[in-house]
Structure formats: structure tokens, C-alpha cells
Amino acid sequence: MTTTMVRQMIDDKITGKKVMVFSKTTCPYCSMAKKVLKEYNLTKEDFEVMEIDRHQAANKIQDYLKKKTGARTVPRVFINGKCIGGGDATFDMHKNGKLRKMLEHSK
């Protein structure tokens, strides 16, 4: 998969979902973010998780996420096309109510 193809795929996923998470299956911070987001009962049309460690272009995906967000780490959580950060940021926004407000305003 070329770098251009990876960029297009990532951008399409981010713009195509209300909530898009780039994750790894063995990452505890990813598990925390996914668990928090599942509490909001988002539909498959609105919510997607890409487990990048299962993807052949994992390194290119992480390289592009670094260019796009400033961080190569996972999870990278996007809501309405905007990166809100990783696992800790998602958990903190959930605890202080900002995540709910952000999701409600996106409907």
C-alpha cells in the first residue's frame, strides 16, 4: 500500500465516521478508550475502530497519524474529524462530561 493510499484511507475513515479510533489490539490505553466510547452506544454507522496492528501498512498509518496529529502513539481518537487525543484524554473528557457534550452536538 502506497503512502498516498494510506493517507486517503485514513482521511476517508476520519471524515466518514462521527467517531474514529486508531488502535492496537494489545494496547491498554486503546482498551480504555474503546471501553469508554462503548458506553455511549454509538452505531456502526457512527463509530469505527481500526486495529492497525492487524493492517499490513501499520507503520505507514502511524507515520501519517503523526503528521496529522503530532503523535504516533495509539489510540488516536477522532470525533467529527477532530483528534481529541489518546486514551487518557478520552477518559478525562468522559469523566468531566466534555465527551458526552461533544458527541451530543455532533448529531
PDB file of N, CA and C in Angstrom:
ATOM      1  N   MET A   1       0.850  -1.172   0.000  1.00  0.00           N
ATOM      2  CA  MET A   1       0.000   0.000   0.000  1.00  0.00           C
ATOM      3  C   MET A   1       0.898   1.238   0.000  1.00  0.00           C
ATOM      4  N   THR A   2       0.664   2.130  -0.931  1.00  0.00           N
ATOM      5  CA  THR A   2       1.492   3.330  -1.023  1.00  0.00           C
ATOM      6  C   THR A   2       1.129   4.326   0.076  1.00  0.00           C
ATOM      7  N   THR A   3       2.025   5.265   0.315  1.00  0.00           N
ATOM      8  CA  THR A   3       1.776   6.307   1.310  1.00  0.00           C
ATOM      9  C   THR A   3       0.542   7.118   0.939  1.00  0.00           C
ATOM     10  N   THR A   4       0.380   7.415  -0.339  1.00  0.00           N
ATOM     11  CA  THR A   4      -0.793   8.162  -0.802  1.00  0.00           C
ATOM     12  C   THR A   4      -2.077   7.389  -0.529  1.00  0.00           C
ATOM     13  N   MET A   5      -2.053   6.103  -0.763  1.00  0.00           N
ATOM     14  CA  MET A   5      -3.229   5.273  -0.499  1.00  0.00           C
ATOM     15  C   MET A   5      -3.554   5.242   0.993  1.00  0.00           C
ATOM     16  N   VAL A   6      -2.521   5.167   1.822  1.00  0.00           N
ATOM     17  CA  VAL A   6      -2.726   5.170   3.275  1.00  0.00           C
ATOM     18  C   VAL A   6      -3.354   6.491   3.707  1.00  0.00           C
ATOM     19  N   ARG A   7      -2.823   7.593   3.219  1.00  0.00           N
ATOM     20  CA  ARG A   7      -3.378   8.912   3.567  1.00  0.00           C
ATOM     21  C   ARG A   7      -4.846   9.009   3.185  1.00  0.00           C
ATOM     22  N   GLN A   8      -5.168   8.576   1.973  1.00  0.00           N
ATOM     23  CA  GLN A   8      -6.556   8.641   1.508  1.00  0.00           C
ATOM     24  C   GLN A   8      -7.462   7.761   2.366  1.00  0.00           C
ATOM     25  N   MET A   9      -7.000   6.561   2.676  1.00  0.00           N
ATOM     26  CA  MET A   9      -7.792   5.644   3.502  1.00  0.00           C
ATOM     27  C   MET A   9      -8.058   6.251   4.883  1.00  0.00           C
ATOM     28  N   ILE A  10      -7.017   6.788   5.518  1.00  0.00           N
ATOM     29  CA  ILE A  10      -7.159   7.368   6.857  1.00  0.00           C
ATOM     30  C   ILE A  10      -8.087   8.573   6.816  1.00  0.00           C
ATOM     31  N   ASP A  11      -7.866   9.470   5.867  1.00  0.00           N
ATOM     32  CA  ASP A  11      -8.716  10.661   5.765  1.00  0.00           C
ATOM     33  C   ASP A  11     -10.171  10.285   5.508  1.00  0.00           C
ATOM     34  N   ASP A  12     -10.411   9.291   4.666  1.00  0.00           N
ATOM     35  CA  ASP A  12     -11.781   8.842   4.396  1.00  0.00           C
ATOM     36  C   ASP A  12     -12.430   8.273   5.655  1.00  0.00           C
ATOM     37  N   LYS A  13     -11.687   7.513   6.423  1.00  0.00           N
ATOM     38  CA  LYS A  13     -12.236   6.945   7.659  1.00  0.00           C
ATOM     39  C   LYS A  13     -12.557   8.048   8.662  1.00  0.00           C
ATOM     40  N   ILE A  14     -11.677   9.013   8.794  1.00  0.00           N
ATOM     41  CA  ILE A  14     -11.887  10.104   9.753  1.00  0.00           C
ATOM     42  C   ILE A  14     -13.107  10.931   9.371  1.00  0.00           C
ATOM     43  N   THR A  15     -13.250  11.243   8.095  1.00  0.00           N
ATOM     44  CA  THR A  15     -14.387  12.066   7.676  1.00  0.00           C
ATOM     45  C   THR A  15     -15.674  11.261   7.544  1.00  0.00           C
ATOM     46  N   GLY A  16     -15.563   9.944   7.427  1.00  0.00           N
ATOM     47  CA  GLY A  16     -16.742   9.112   7.215  1.00  0.00           C
ATOM     48  C   GLY A  16     -17.452   8.657   8.473  1.00  0.00           C
ATOM     49  N   LYS A  17     -16.861   8.895   9.628  1.00  0.00           N
ATOM     50  CA  LYS A  17     -17.449   8.439  10.894  1.00  0.00           C
ATOM     51  C   LYS A  17     -17.499   9.587  11.895  1.00  0.00           C
ATOM     52  N   LYS A  18     -18.528   9.583  12.715  1.00  0.00           N
ATOM     53  CA  LYS A  18     -18.598  10.549  13.808  1.00  0.00           C
ATOM     54  C   LYS A  18     -17.439  10.309  14.770  1.00  0.00           C
ATOM     55  N   VAL A  19     -17.176   9.039  15.069  1.00  0.00           N
ATOM     56  CA  VAL A  19     -16.083   8.665  15.970  1.00  0.00           C
ATOM     57  C   VAL A  19     -15.220   7.617  15.279  1.00  0.00           C
ATOM     58  N   MET A  20     -13.938   7.927  15.139  1.00  0.00           N
ATOM     59  CA  MET A  20     -12.986   7.007  14.517  1.00  0.00           C
ATOM     60  C   MET A  20     -11.812   6.833  15.462  1.00  0.00           C
ATOM     61  N   VAL A  21     -11.485   5.568  15.759  1.00  0.00           N
ATOM     62  CA  VAL A  21     -10.389   5.258  16.672  1.00  0.00           C
ATOM     63  C   VAL A  21      -9.357   4.406  15.942  1.00  0.00           C
ATOM     64  N   PHE A  22      -8.115   4.842  16.006  1.00  0.00           N
ATOM     65  CA  PHE A  22      -6.994   4.050  15.509  1.00  0.00           C
ATOM     66  C   PHE A  22      -6.344   3.434  16.731  1.00  0.00           C
ATOM     67  N   SER A  23      -6.272   2.113  16.754  1.00  0.00           N
ATOM     68  CA  SER A  23      -5.971   1.361  17.962  1.00  0.00           C
ATOM     69  C   SER A  23      -5.003   0.225  17.657  1.00  0.00           C
ATOM     70  N   LYS A  24      -4.517  -0.409  18.715  1.00  0.00           N
ATOM     71  CA  LYS A  24      -3.783  -1.677  18.612  1.00  0.00           C
ATOM     72  C   LYS A  24      -4.414  -2.654  19.593  1.00  0.00           C
ATOM     73  N   THR A  25      -4.477  -3.901  19.200  1.00  0.00           N
ATOM     74  CA  THR A  25      -5.190  -4.911  19.985  1.00  0.00           C
ATOM     75  C   THR A  25      -4.577  -5.160  21.356  1.00  0.00           C
ATOM     76  N   THR A  26      -3.286  -4.924  21.513  1.00  0.00           N
ATOM     77  CA  THR A  26      -2.615  -5.230  22.784  1.00  0.00           C
ATOM     78  C   THR A  26      -2.351  -4.002  23.649  1.00  0.00           C
ATOM     79  N   CYS A  27      -2.858  -2.867  23.265  1.00  0.00           N
ATOM     80  CA  CYS A  27      -2.576  -1.606  23.958  1.00  0.00           C
ATOM     81  C   CYS A  27      -3.603  -1.336  25.060  1.00  0.00           C
ATOM     82  N   PRO A  28      -3.174  -1.210  26.317  1.00  0.00           N
ATOM     83  CA  PRO A  28      -4.123  -0.958  27.403  1.00  0.00           C
ATOM     84  C   PRO A  28      -4.815   0.404  27.306  1.00  0.00           C
ATOM     85  N   TYR A  29      -4.136   1.408  26.784  1.00  0.00           N
ATOM     86  CA  TYR A  29      -4.766   2.721  26.626  1.00  0.00           C
ATOM     87  C   TYR A  29      -5.847   2.675  25.551  1.00  0.00           C
ATOM     88  N   CYS A  30      -5.607   1.873  24.524  1.00  0.00           N
ATOM     89  CA  CYS A  30      -6.614   1.672  23.478  1.00  0.00           C
ATOM     90  C   CYS A  30      -7.842   0.980  24.058  1.00  0.00           C
ATOM     91  N   SER A  31      -7.611  -0.033  24.865  1.00  0.00           N
ATOM     92  CA  SER A  31      -8.724  -0.749  25.506  1.00  0.00           C
ATOM     93  C   SER A  31      -9.546   0.198  26.364  1.00  0.00           C
ATOM     94  N   MET A  32      -8.876   1.072  27.097  1.00  0.00           N
ATOM     95  CA  MET A  32      -9.572   2.035  27.947  1.00  0.00           C
ATOM     96  C   MET A  32     -10.432   2.981  27.101  1.00  0.00           C
ATOM     97  N   ALA A  33      -9.869   3.515  26.026  1.00  0.00           N
ATOM     98  CA  ALA A  33     -10.618   4.436  25.174  1.00  0.00           C
ATOM     99  C   ALA A  33     -11.819   3.740  24.537  1.00  0.00           C
ATOM    100  N   LYS A  34     -11.629   2.527  24.044  1.00  0.00           N
ATOM    101  CA  LYS A  34     -12.730   1.791  23.414  1.00  0.00           C
ATOM    102  C   LYS A  34     -13.826   1.477  24.425  1.00  0.00           C
ATOM    103  N   LYS A  35     -13.433   1.120  25.641  1.00  0.00           N
ATOM    104  CA  LYS A  35     -14.413   0.820  26.686  1.00  0.00           C
ATOM    105  C   LYS A  35     -15.249   2.053  27.008  1.00  0.00           C
ATOM    106  N   VAL A  36     -14.595   3.189  27.139  1.00  0.00           N
ATOM    107  CA  VAL A  36     -15.307   4.441  27.420  1.00  0.00           C
ATOM    108  C   VAL A  36     -16.276   4.762  26.287  1.00  0.00           C
ATOM    109  N   LEU A  37     -15.814   4.680  25.060  1.00  0.00           N
ATOM    110  CA  LEU A  37     -16.661   5.038  23.920  1.00  0.00           C
ATOM    111  C   LEU A  37     -17.840   4.086  23.759  1.00  0.00           C
ATOM    112  N   LYS A  38     -17.675   2.829  24.121  1.00  0.00           N
ATOM    113  CA  LYS A  38     -18.781   1.868  24.020  1.00  0.00           C
ATOM    114  C   LYS A  38     -19.928   2.223  24.965  1.00  0.00           C
ATOM    115  N   GLU A  39     -19.639   2.961  26.013  1.00  0.00           N
ATOM    116  CA  GLU A  39     -20.688   3.378  26.947  1.00  0.00           C
ATOM    117  C   GLU A  39     -21.701   4.317  26.300  1.00  0.00           C
ATOM    118  N   TYR A  40     -21.355   4.907  25.175  1.00  0.00           N
ATOM    119  CA  TYR A  40     -22.237   5.865  24.515  1.00  0.00           C
ATOM    120  C   TYR A  40     -23.161   5.215  23.490  1.00  0.00           C
ATOM    121  N   ASN A  41     -23.095   3.903  23.359  1.00  0.00           N
ATOM    122  CA  ASN A  41     -23.983   3.155  22.456  1.00  0.00           C
ATOM    123  C   ASN A  41     -24.019   3.739  21.048  1.00  0.00           C
ATOM    124  N   LEU A  42     -22.858   4.010  20.504  1.00  0.00           N
ATOM    125  CA  LEU A  42     -22.762   4.536  19.148  1.00  0.00           C
ATOM    126  C   LEU A  42     -23.058   3.428  18.143  1.00  0.00           C
ATOM    127  N   THR A  43     -23.666   3.793  17.034  1.00  0.00           N
ATOM    128  CA  THR A  43     -23.983   2.814  15.992  1.00  0.00           C
ATOM    129  C   THR A  43     -22.750   2.537  15.132  1.00  0.00           C
ATOM    130  N   LYS A  44     -22.808   1.455  14.378  1.00  0.00           N
ATOM    131  CA  LYS A  44     -21.712   1.130  13.460  1.00  0.00           C
ATOM    132  C   LYS A  44     -21.551   2.197  12.384  1.00  0.00           C
ATOM    133  N   GLU A  45     -22.630   2.881  12.068  1.00  0.00           N
ATOM    134  CA  GLU A  45     -22.555   3.961  11.081  1.00  0.00           C
ATOM    135  C   GLU A  45     -21.770   5.146  11.627  1.00  0.00           C
ATOM    136  N   ASP A  46     -21.796   5.321  12.947  1.00  0.00           N
ATOM    137  CA  ASP A  46     -21.142   6.467  13.579  1.00  0.00           C
ATOM    138  C   ASP A  46     -19.771   6.163  14.170  1.00  0.00           C
ATOM    139  N   PHE A  47     -19.470   4.902  14.440  1.00  0.00           N
ATOM    140  CA  PHE A  47     -18.293   4.548  15.237  1.00  0.00           C
ATOM    141  C   PHE A  47     -17.522   3.407  14.594  1.00  0.00           C
ATOM    142  N   GLU A  48     -16.207   3.613  14.453  1.00  0.00           N
ATOM    143  CA  GLU A  48     -15.366   2.543  13.910  1.00  0.00           C
ATOM    144  C   GLU A  48     -14.031   2.519  14.647  1.00  0.00           C
ATOM    145  N   VAL A  49     -13.510   1.316  14.813  1.00  0.00           N
ATOM    146  CA  VAL A  49     -12.177   1.116  15.373  1.00  0.00           C
ATOM    147  C   VAL A  49     -11.344   0.396  14.326  1.00  0.00           C
ATOM    148  N   MET A  50     -10.184   0.940  14.035  1.00  0.00           N
ATOM    149  CA  MET A  50      -9.242   0.253  13.149  1.00  0.00           C
ATOM    150  C   MET A  50      -8.080  -0.230  14.003  1.00  0.00           C
ATOM    151  N   GLU A  51      -7.944  -1.539  14.068  1.00  0.00           N
ATOM    152  CA  GLU A  51      -6.827  -2.140  14.804  1.00  0.00           C
ATOM    153  C   GLU A  51      -5.629  -2.162  13.860  1.00  0.00           C
ATOM    154  N   ILE A  52      -4.779  -1.164  13.973  1.00  0.00           N
ATOM    155  CA  ILE A  52      -3.729  -1.002  12.970  1.00  0.00           C
ATOM    156  C   ILE A  52      -2.659  -2.088  13.037  1.00  0.00           C
ATOM    157  N   ASP A  53      -2.530  -2.754  14.184  1.00  0.00           N
ATOM    158  CA  ASP A  53      -1.539  -3.832  14.247  1.00  0.00           C
ATOM    159  C   ASP A  53      -1.968  -5.051  13.428  1.00  0.00           C
ATOM    160  N   ARG A  54      -3.181  -5.051  12.949  1.00  0.00           N
ATOM    161  CA  ARG A  54      -3.665  -6.117  12.067  1.00  0.00           C
ATOM    162  C   ARG A  54      -3.599  -5.704  10.601  1.00  0.00           C
ATOM    163  N   HIS A  55      -3.090  -4.517  10.345  1.00  0.00           N
ATOM    164  CA  HIS A  55      -3.050  -3.969   8.992  1.00  0.00           C
ATOM    165  C   HIS A  55      -1.629  -4.043   8.447  1.00  0.00           C
ATOM    166  N   GLN A  56      -1.514  -4.400   7.185  1.00  0.00           N
ATOM    167  CA  GLN A  56      -0.195  -4.536   6.558  1.00  0.00           C
ATOM    168  C   GLN A  56       0.583  -3.224   6.512  1.00  0.00           C
ATOM    169  N   ALA A  57      -0.097  -2.104   6.548  1.00  0.00           N
ATOM    170  CA  ALA A  57       0.558  -0.795   6.453  1.00  0.00           C
ATOM    171  C   ALA A  57       0.617  -0.091   7.810  1.00  0.00           C
ATOM    172  N   ALA A  58       0.726  -0.853   8.884  1.00  0.00           N
ATOM    173  CA  ALA A  58       0.680  -0.282  10.239  1.00  0.00           C
ATOM    174  C   ALA A  58       1.676   0.858  10.437  1.00  0.00           C
ATOM    175  N   ASN A  59       2.906   0.686  10.002  1.00  0.00           N
ATOM    176  CA  ASN A  59       3.907   1.736  10.192  1.00  0.00           C
ATOM    177  C   ASN A  59       3.572   2.994   9.404  1.00  0.00           C
ATOM    178  N   LYS A  60       3.100   2.833   8.179  1.00  0.00           N
ATOM    179  CA  LYS A  60       2.712   3.994   7.372  1.00  0.00           C
ATOM    180  C   LYS A  60       1.509   4.698   7.984  1.00  0.00           C
ATOM    181  N   ILE A  61       0.587   3.930   8.545  1.00  0.00           N
ATOM    182  CA  ILE A  61      -0.581   4.521   9.203  1.00  0.00           C
ATOM    183  C   ILE A  61      -0.119   5.370  10.385  1.00  0.00           C
ATOM    184  N   GLN A  62       0.756   4.810  11.210  1.00  0.00           N
ATOM    185  CA  GLN A  62       1.242   5.565  12.367  1.00  0.00           C
ATOM    186  C   GLN A  62       2.055   6.783  11.938  1.00  0.00           C
ATOM    187  N   ASP A  63       2.834   6.663  10.887  1.00  0.00           N
ATOM    188  CA  ASP A  63       3.592   7.812  10.381  1.00  0.00           C
ATOM    189  C   ASP A  63       2.646   8.929   9.947  1.00  0.00           C
ATOM    190  N   TYR A  64       1.572   8.565   9.247  1.00  0.00           N
ATOM    191  CA  TYR A  64       0.624   9.584   8.796  1.00  0.00           C
ATOM    192  C   TYR A  64      -0.142  10.187   9.973  1.00  0.00           C
ATOM    193  N   LEU A  65      -0.508   9.369  10.945  1.00  0.00           N
ATOM    194  CA  LEU A  65      -1.191   9.912  12.124  1.00  0.00           C
ATOM    195  C   LEU A  65      -0.288  10.899  12.856  1.00  0.00           C
ATOM    196  N   LYS A  66       1.017  10.644  12.859  1.00  0.00           N
ATOM    197  CA  LYS A  66       1.945  11.594  13.486  1.00  0.00           C
ATOM    198  C   LYS A  66       1.937  12.917  12.728  1.00  0.00           C
ATOM    199  N   LYS A  67       1.968  12.855  11.404  1.00  0.00           N
ATOM    200  CA  LYS A  67       1.914  14.088  10.606  1.00  0.00           C
ATOM    201  C   LYS A  67       0.611  14.835  10.852  1.00  0.00           C
ATOM    202  N   LYS A  68      -0.465  14.096  10.989  1.00  0.00           N
ATOM    203  CA  LYS A  68      -1.796  14.694  11.119  1.00  0.00           C
ATOM    204  C   LYS A  68      -2.075  15.221  12.526  1.00  0.00           C
ATOM    205  N   THR A  69      -1.549  14.523  13.548  1.00  0.00           N
ATOM    206  CA  THR A  69      -1.928  14.859  14.926  1.00  0.00           C
ATOM    207  C   THR A  69      -0.759  15.274  15.815  1.00  0.00           C
ATOM    208  N   GLY A  70       0.457  15.047  15.345  1.00  0.00           N
ATOM    209  CA  GLY A  70       1.623  15.356  16.165  1.00  0.00           C
ATOM    210  C   GLY A  70       2.069  14.204  17.050  1.00  0.00           C
ATOM    211  N   ALA A  71       1.326  13.101  17.027  1.00  0.00           N
ATOM    212  CA  ALA A  71       1.678  11.943  17.856  1.00  0.00           C
ATOM    213  C   ALA A  71       1.531  10.660  17.044  1.00  0.00           C
ATOM    214  N   ARG A  72       2.466   9.763  17.243  1.00  0.00           N
ATOM    215  CA  ARG A  72       2.454   8.474  16.546  1.00  0.00           C
ATOM    216  C   ARG A  72       1.831   7.390  17.424  1.00  0.00           C
ATOM    217  N   THR A  73       1.584   7.720  18.671  1.00  0.00           N
ATOM    218  CA  THR A  73       1.059   6.752  19.629  1.00  0.00           C
ATOM    219  C   THR A  73      -0.409   6.445  19.365  1.00  0.00           C
ATOM    220  N   VAL A  74      -0.843   5.316  19.903  1.00  0.00           N
ATOM    221  CA  VAL A  74      -2.253   4.945  19.840  1.00  0.00           C
ATOM    222  C   VAL A  74      -2.775   4.811  21.262  1.00  0.00           C
ATOM    223  N   PRO A  75      -4.076   5.008  21.427  1.00  0.00           N
ATOM    224  CA  PRO A  75      -5.046   5.279  20.380  1.00  0.00           C
ATOM    225  C   PRO A  75      -4.973   6.730  19.913  1.00  0.00           C
ATOM    226  N   ARG A  76      -5.477   6.948  18.740  1.00  0.00           N
ATOM    227  CA  ARG A  76      -5.747   8.280  18.211  1.00  0.00           C
ATOM    228  C   ARG A  76      -7.253   8.296  18.018  1.00  0.00           C
ATOM    229  N   VAL A  77      -7.932   9.161  18.744  1.00  0.00           N
ATOM    230  CA  VAL A  77      -9.393   9.218  18.739  1.00  0.00           C
ATOM    231  C   VAL A  77      -9.828  10.496  18.030  1.00  0.00           C
ATOM    232  N   PHE A  78     -10.678  10.330  17.025  1.00  0.00           N
ATOM    233  CA  PHE A  78     -11.209  11.464  16.269  1.00  0.00           C
ATOM    234  C   PHE A  78     -12.716  11.535  16.474  1.00  0.00           C
ATOM    235  N   ILE A  79     -13.207  12.728  16.740  1.00  0.00           N
ATOM    236  CA  ILE A  79     -14.646  12.970  16.819  1.00  0.00           C
ATOM    237  C   ILE A  79     -14.955  14.106  15.858  1.00  0.00           C
ATOM    238  N   ASN A  80     -15.868  13.837  14.938  1.00  0.00           N
ATOM    239  CA  ASN A  80     -16.230  14.806  13.904  1.00  0.00           C
ATOM    240  C   ASN A  80     -15.007  15.347  13.178  1.00  0.00           C
ATOM    241  N   GLY A  81     -14.063  14.467  12.885  1.00  0.00           N
ATOM    242  CA  GLY A  81     -12.884  14.855  12.130  1.00  0.00           C
ATOM    243  C   GLY A  81     -11.770  15.496  12.927  1.00  0.00           C
ATOM    244  N   LYS A  82     -11.997  15.721  14.213  1.00  0.00           N
ATOM    245  CA  LYS A  82     -11.003  16.384  15.058  1.00  0.00           C
ATOM    246  C   LYS A  82     -10.383  15.375  16.017  1.00  0.00           C
ATOM    247  N   CYS A  83      -9.064  15.372  16.091  1.00  0.00           N
ATOM    248  CA  CYS A  83      -8.380  14.479  17.024  1.00  0.00           C
ATOM    249  C   CYS A  83      -8.506  15.046  18.431  1.00  0.00           C
ATOM    250  N   ILE A  84      -9.081  14.236  19.330  1.00  0.00           N
ATOM    251  CA  ILE A  84      -9.203  14.673  20.724  1.00  0.00           C
ATOM    252  C   ILE A  84      -8.052  14.147  21.565  1.00  0.00           C
ATOM    253  N   GLY A  85      -7.210  13.299  20.989  1.00  0.00           N
ATOM    254  CA  GLY A  85      -6.053  12.776  21.706  1.00  0.00           C
ATOM    255  C   GLY A  85      -6.073  11.268  21.796  1.00  0.00           C
ATOM    256  N   GLY A  86      -5.541  10.773  22.914  1.00  0.00           N
ATOM    257  CA  GLY A  86      -5.405   9.339  23.108  1.00  0.00           C
ATOM    258  C   GLY A  86      -6.296   8.806  24.208  1.00  0.00           C
ATOM    259  N   GLY A  87      -5.834   7.748  24.857  1.00  0.00           N
ATOM    260  CA  GLY A  87      -6.627   7.076  25.880  1.00  0.00           C
ATOM    261  C   GLY A  87      -6.899   7.939  27.096  1.00  0.00           C
ATOM    262  N   ASP A  88      -5.857   8.577  27.629  1.00  0.00           N
ATOM    263  CA  ASP A  88      -6.042   9.420  28.811  1.00  0.00           C
ATOM    264  C   ASP A  88      -6.971  10.590  28.521  1.00  0.00           C
ATOM    265  N   ALA A  89      -6.781  11.242  27.375  1.00  0.00           N
ATOM    266  CA  ALA A  89      -7.626  12.383  27.020  1.00  0.00           C
ATOM    267  C   ALA A  89      -9.084  11.957  26.870  1.00  0.00           C
ATOM    268  N   THR A  90      -9.312  10.814  26.247  1.00  0.00           N
ATOM    269  CA  THR A  90     -10.677  10.310  26.070  1.00  0.00           C
ATOM    270  C   THR A  90     -11.309  10.016  27.424  1.00  0.00           C
ATOM    271  N   PHE A  91     -10.567   9.372  28.307  1.00  0.00           N
ATOM    272  CA  PHE A  91     -11.070   9.053  29.644  1.00  0.00           C
ATOM    273  C   PHE A  91     -11.366  10.330  30.427  1.00  0.00           C
ATOM    274  N   ASP A  92     -10.453  11.296  30.388  1.00  0.00           N
ATOM    275  CA  ASP A  92     -10.660  12.557  31.108  1.00  0.00           C
ATOM    276  C   ASP A  92     -11.880  13.307  30.589  1.00  0.00           C
ATOM    277  N   MET A  93     -12.051  13.348  29.270  1.00  0.00           N
ATOM    278  CA  MET A  93     -13.215  14.028  28.692  1.00  0.00           C
ATOM    279  C   MET A  93     -14.506  13.315  29.068  1.00  0.00           C
ATOM    280  N   HIS A  94     -14.461  12.017  29.182  1.00  0.00           N
ATOM    281  CA  HIS A  94     -15.625  11.242  29.620  1.00  0.00           C
ATOM    282  C   HIS A  94     -15.970  11.606  31.066  1.00  0.00           C
ATOM    283  N   LYS A  95     -14.963  11.631  31.922  1.00  0.00           N
ATOM    284  CA  LYS A  95     -15.188  11.907  33.349  1.00  0.00           C
ATOM    285  C   LYS A  95     -15.713  13.316  33.595  1.00  0.00           C
ATOM    286  N   ASN A  96     -15.237  14.298  32.830  1.00  0.00           N
ATOM    287  CA  ASN A  96     -15.678  15.674  33.084  1.00  0.00           C
ATOM    288  C   ASN A  96     -16.886  16.094  32.244  1.00  0.00           C
ATOM    289  N   GLY A  97     -17.443  15.170  31.462  1.00  0.00           N
ATOM    290  CA  GLY A  97     -18.666  15.448  30.715  1.00  0.00           C
ATOM    291  C   GLY A  97     -18.460  16.061  29.341  1.00  0.00           C
ATOM    292  N   LYS A  98     -17.236  16.411  29.007  1.00  0.00           N
ATOM    293  CA  LYS A  98     -16.984  17.049  27.713  1.00  0.00           C
ATOM    294  C   LYS A  98     -17.202  16.090  26.543  1.00  0.00           C
ATOM    295  N   LEU A  99     -16.916  14.821  26.750  1.00  0.00           N
ATOM    296  CA  LEU A  99     -17.093  13.842  25.676  1.00  0.00           C
ATOM    297  C   LEU A  99     -18.569  13.698  25.320  1.00  0.00           C
ATOM    298  N   ARG A 100     -19.424  13.598  26.325  1.00  0.00           N
ATOM    299  CA  ARG A 100     -20.870  13.499  26.075  1.00  0.00           C
ATOM    300  C   ARG A 100     -21.367  14.721  25.306  1.00  0.00           C
ATOM    301  N   LYS A 101     -20.949  15.901  25.744  1.00  0.00           N
ATOM    302  CA  LYS A 101     -21.373  17.134  25.065  1.00  0.00           C
ATOM    303  C   LYS A 101     -20.904  17.146  23.619  1.00  0.00           C
ATOM    304  N   MET A 102     -19.675  16.737  23.409  1.00  0.00           N
ATOM    305  CA  MET A 102     -19.125  16.714  22.056  1.00  0.00           C
ATOM    306  C   MET A 102     -19.908  15.742  21.166  1.00  0.00           C
ATOM    307  N   LEU A 103     -20.245  14.588  21.691  1.00  0.00           N
ATOM    308  CA  LEU A 103     -20.996  13.598  20.916  1.00  0.00           C
ATOM    309  C   LEU A 103     -22.436  14.043  20.682  1.00  0.00           C
ATOM    310  N   GLU A 104     -23.048  14.686  21.663  1.00  0.00           N
ATOM    311  CA  GLU A 104     -24.425  15.162  21.505  1.00  0.00           C
ATOM    312  C   GLU A 104     -24.508  16.273  20.471  1.00  0.00           C
ATOM    313  N   HIS A 105     -23.523  17.141  20.432  1.00  0.00           N
ATOM    314  CA  HIS A 105     -23.531  18.254  19.487  1.00  0.00           C
ATOM    315  C   HIS A 105     -23.223  17.816  18.064  1.00  0.00           C
ATOM    316  N   SER A 106     -22.794  16.593  17.914  1.00  0.00           N
ATOM    317  CA  SER A 106     -22.427  16.124  16.583  1.00  0.00           C
ATOM    318  C   SER A 106     -23.578  15.437  15.861  1.00  0.00           C
ATOM    319  N   LYS A 107     -24.708  15.303  16.521  1.00  0.00           N
ATOM    320  CA  LYS A 107     -25.838  14.583  15.913  1.00  0.00           C
ATOM    321  C   LYS A 107     -26.541  15.408  14.866  1.00  0.00           C
TER     322      LYS A 107
END
